[in-house]
Structures are given as structure tokens and as C-alpha cells.
Amino acid sequence: MSVIEASDSCRMRYMHQTH
């Protein structure tokens, strides 16, 4: 997994976790 991929995954998760 590349750093960019990991960052993208984290960002996607963060965006999905909008309370």
C-alpha cells in the first residue's frame, strides 16, 4: 500500500464519518 493510497483511505473514512 502506498502512502498516497493510505492517505486517500484515511480521508475517505474521515469524510464518511461526519457526525
PDB file of N, CA and C in Angstrom:
ATOM      1  N   MET A   1       0.860  -1.206   0.000  1.00  0.00           N
ATOM      2  CA  MET A   1       0.000   0.000   0.000  1.00  0.00           C
ATOM      3  C   MET A   1       0.893   1.252   0.000  1.00  0.00           C
ATOM      4  N   SER A   2       0.663   2.131  -0.940  1.00  0.00           N
ATOM      5  CA  SER A   2       1.484   3.345  -1.000  1.00  0.00           C
ATOM      6  C   SER A   2       0.995   4.371   0.023  1.00  0.00           C
ATOM      7  N   VAL A   3       1.844   5.321   0.318  1.00  0.00           N
ATOM      8  CA  VAL A   3       1.478   6.355   1.295  1.00  0.00           C
ATOM      9  C   VAL A   3       0.262   7.126   0.797  1.00  0.00           C
ATOM     10  N   ILE A   4       0.255   7.419  -0.508  1.00  0.00           N
ATOM     11  CA  ILE A   4      -0.868   8.170  -1.076  1.00  0.00           C
ATOM     12  C   ILE A   4      -2.161   7.375  -0.904  1.00  0.00           C
ATOM     13  N   GLU A   5      -2.075   6.072  -1.172  1.00  0.00           N
ATOM     14  CA  GLU A   5      -3.273   5.225  -1.040  1.00  0.00           C
ATOM     15  C   GLU A   5      -3.772   5.247   0.397  1.00  0.00           C
ATOM     16  N   ALA A   6      -2.850   5.100   1.330  1.00  0.00           N
ATOM     17  CA  ALA A   6      -3.222   5.094   2.747  1.00  0.00           C
ATOM     18  C   ALA A   6      -3.885   6.419   3.102  1.00  0.00           C
ATOM     19  N   SER A   7      -3.297   7.513   2.652  1.00  0.00           N
ATOM     20  CA  SER A   7      -3.847   8.839   2.949  1.00  0.00           C
ATOM     21  C   SER A   7      -5.258   8.944   2.368  1.00  0.00           C
ATOM     22  N   ASP A   8      -5.438   8.480   1.137  1.00  0.00           N
ATOM     23  CA  ASP A   8      -6.749   8.538   0.498  1.00  0.00           C
ATOM     24  C   ASP A   8      -7.772   7.753   1.306  1.00  0.00           C
ATOM     25  N   SER A   9      -7.372   6.575   1.756  1.00  0.00           N
ATOM     26  CA  SER A   9      -8.277   5.731   2.539  1.00  0.00           C
ATOM     27  C   SER A   9      -8.671   6.453   3.823  1.00  0.00           C
ATOM     28  N   CYS A  10      -7.679   7.031   4.484  1.00  0.00           N
ATOM     29  CA  CYS A  10      -7.956   7.742   5.737  1.00  0.00           C
ATOM     30  C   CYS A  10      -8.911   8.900   5.459  1.00  0.00           C
ATOM     31  N   ARG A  11      -8.664   9.624   4.387  1.00  0.00           N
ATOM     32  CA  ARG A  11      -9.500  10.781   4.072  1.00  0.00           C
ATOM     33  C   ARG A  11     -10.927  10.319   3.777  1.00  0.00           C
ATOM     34  N   MET A  12     -11.052   9.269   2.996  1.00  0.00           N
ATOM     35  CA  MET A  12     -12.387   8.758   2.648  1.00  0.00           C
ATOM     36  C   MET A  12     -13.128   8.360   3.929  1.00  0.00           C
ATOM     37  N   ARG A  13     -12.414   7.667   4.820  1.00  0.00           N
ATOM     38  CA  ARG A  13     -13.028   7.242   6.082  1.00  0.00           C
ATOM     39  C   ARG A  13     -13.464   8.467   6.870  1.00  0.00           C
ATOM     40  N   TYR A  14     -12.581   9.450   6.930  1.00  0.00           N
ATOM     41  CA  TYR A  14     -12.883  10.656   7.701  1.00  0.00           C
ATOM     42  C   TYR A  14     -14.118  11.351   7.122  1.00  0.00           C
ATOM     43  N   MET A  15     -14.162  11.462   5.813  1.00  0.00           N
ATOM     44  CA  MET A  15     -15.306  12.122   5.166  1.00  0.00           C
ATOM     45  C   MET A  15     -16.593  11.356   5.452  1.00  0.00           C
ATOM     46  N   HIS A  16     -16.506  10.034   5.449  1.00  0.00           N
ATOM     47  CA  HIS A  16     -17.698   9.216   5.708  1.00  0.00           C
ATOM     48  C   HIS A  16     -18.148   9.347   7.157  1.00  0.00           C
ATOM     49  N   GLN A  17     -17.171   9.602   8.049  1.00  0.00           N
ATOM     50  CA  GLN A  17     -17.520   9.713   9.473  1.00  0.00           C
ATOM     51  C   GLN A  17     -17.839  11.159   9.821  1.00  0.00           C
ATOM     52  N   THR A  18     -18.892  11.680   9.224  1.00  0.00           N
ATOM     53  CA  THR A  18     -19.294  13.065   9.509  1.00  0.00           C
ATOM     54  C   THR A  18     -20.484  13.055  10.442  1.00  0.00           C
ATOM     55  N   HIS A  19     -20.242  13.411  11.672  1.00  0.00           N
ATOM     56  CA  HIS A  19     -21.335  13.398  12.661  1.00  0.00           C
ATOM     57  C   HIS A  19     -22.007  14.752  12.694  1.00  0.00           C
TER      58      HIS A  19
END
